Amino acid sequence: MEKKMVSKDDFLYPRGRYYGHVQPENLVFNANLQEFAQRVSYICNLETSGKLPPGEAYKQIKMLWKQLKRSKKQLRIGEDPFQDKGSDSENE
């Protein structure tokens, strides 16, 4: 049986498949979300093992959350660009 070599980056930073609606902004946000989750996991593990103080862990996670939020806003995730908020097109 042949073993497939796994690169260090694939091992340390695994990526899951994306099953959602395929649009460039969704793919970018999904990558950002997976990176956020991976980094939060590392920070939690460092804090749990006593290598990172709780306050520092909180500060780092808060910074990562703000970056993810900014990314969502810049990519306009969750917005409908074709819906005009001023008109009531459903009743027409």
Protein backbone atom coordinates (compact mmCIF):
# COMPACT_ATOMS: atom_id res chain seq x y z
CA MET A 1 0.00 0.00 0.00
CA GLU A 2 1.41 3.37 -1.05
CA LYS A 3 1.36 6.19 1.48
CA LYS A 4 0.67 9.71 0.30
CA MET A 5 3.09 12.31 1.66
CA VAL A 6 1.33 15.15 3.45
CA SER A 7 3.00 18.54 3.38
CA LYS A 8 3.71 20.32 6.64
CA ASP A 9 1.32 23.15 5.73
CA ASP A 10 -1.51 20.74 4.91
CA PHE A 11 -0.97 19.04 8.25
CA LEU A 12 -0.75 22.24 10.31
CA TYR A 13 -3.40 24.19 8.40
CA PRO A 14 -6.01 21.71 7.13
CA ARG A 15 -8.70 23.06 4.81
CA GLY A 16 -12.20 21.70 4.51
CA ARG A 17 -14.14 21.54 1.27
CA TYR A 18 -16.57 24.33 0.48
CA TYR A 19 -20.12 23.16 -0.27
CA GLY A 20 -21.93 26.50 -0.35
CA HIS A 21 -22.98 28.78 -3.19
CA VAL A 22 -19.84 29.19 -5.31
CA GLN A 23 -18.97 32.86 -5.69
CA PRO A 24 -15.48 34.37 -5.37
CA GLU A 25 -16.37 36.36 -2.25
CA ASN A 26 -17.87 33.28 -0.57
CA LEU A 27 -14.75 31.23 -1.28
CA VAL A 28 -12.50 33.97 0.11
CA PHE A 29 -14.63 34.37 3.23
CA ASN A 30 -14.68 30.61 3.75
CA ALA A 31 -10.87 30.54 3.62
CA ASN A 32 -10.75 33.43 6.09
CA LEU A 33 -13.22 31.67 8.38
CA GLN A 34 -11.21 28.44 8.34
CA GLU A 35 -8.01 30.35 9.12
CA PHE A 36 -9.81 32.12 12.00
CA ALA A 37 -10.98 28.79 13.43
CA GLN A 38 -7.50 27.28 13.15
CA ARG A 39 -5.82 30.21 14.88
CA VAL A 40 -8.43 30.32 17.66
CA SER A 41 -7.82 26.61 18.21
CA TYR A 42 -4.07 27.21 18.57
CA ILE A 43 -4.60 30.11 20.97
CA CYS A 44 -7.02 28.03 23.08
CA ASN A 45 -4.54 25.17 23.23
CA LEU A 46 -1.71 27.49 24.27
CA GLU A 47 -3.89 29.05 26.97
CA THR A 48 -5.07 25.65 28.23
CA SER A 49 -1.49 24.38 28.49
CA GLY A 50 -0.47 27.48 30.46
CA LYS A 51 1.81 28.89 27.77
CA LEU A 52 -0.38 31.93 27.16
CA PRO A 53 -2.10 34.01 29.86
CA PRO A 54 -5.92 34.14 29.62
CA GLY A 55 -5.95 37.90 29.07
CA GLU A 56 -3.51 37.64 26.17
CA ALA A 57 -5.50 34.78 24.65
CA TYR A 58 -8.67 36.87 24.86
CA LYS A 59 -6.92 39.86 23.30
CA GLN A 60 -5.59 37.79 20.40
CA ILE A 61 -8.95 36.13 19.72
CA LYS A 62 -10.70 39.51 19.84
CA MET A 63 -8.20 40.87 17.28
CA LEU A 64 -8.79 37.86 15.01
CA TRP A 65 -12.57 38.32 15.36
CA LYS A 66 -12.30 41.97 14.30
CA GLN A 67 -10.26 40.94 11.25
CA LEU A 68 -12.88 38.35 10.30
CA LYS A 69 -15.67 40.89 10.76
CA ARG A 70 -13.82 43.41 8.59
CA SER A 71 -13.32 40.74 5.93
CA LYS A 72 -17.06 39.95 5.94
CA LYS A 73 -17.93 43.61 5.56
CA GLN A 74 -15.41 44.21 2.76
CA LEU A 75 -16.59 41.13 0.86
CA ARG A 76 -20.23 42.18 1.40
CA ILE A 77 -21.18 38.72 2.67
CA GLY A 78 -24.87 38.50 3.57
CA GLU A 79 -25.85 41.53 1.52
CA ASP A 80 -28.13 41.28 -1.50
CA PRO A 81 -26.70 43.72 -4.06
CA PHE A 82 -29.83 43.48 -6.24
CA GLN A 83 -32.34 44.27 -3.53
CA ASP A 84 -33.24 47.94 -3.21
CA LYS A 85 -34.01 48.68 0.43
CA GLY A 86 -36.16 51.68 -0.49
CA SER A 87 -38.67 49.89 -2.72
CA ASP A 88 -41.30 47.32 -1.85
CA SER A 89 -40.96 45.06 -4.92
CA GLU A 90 -42.71 42.05 -3.30
CA ASN A 91 -46.05 43.87 -3.26
CA GLU A 92 -45.93 45.00 -6.87
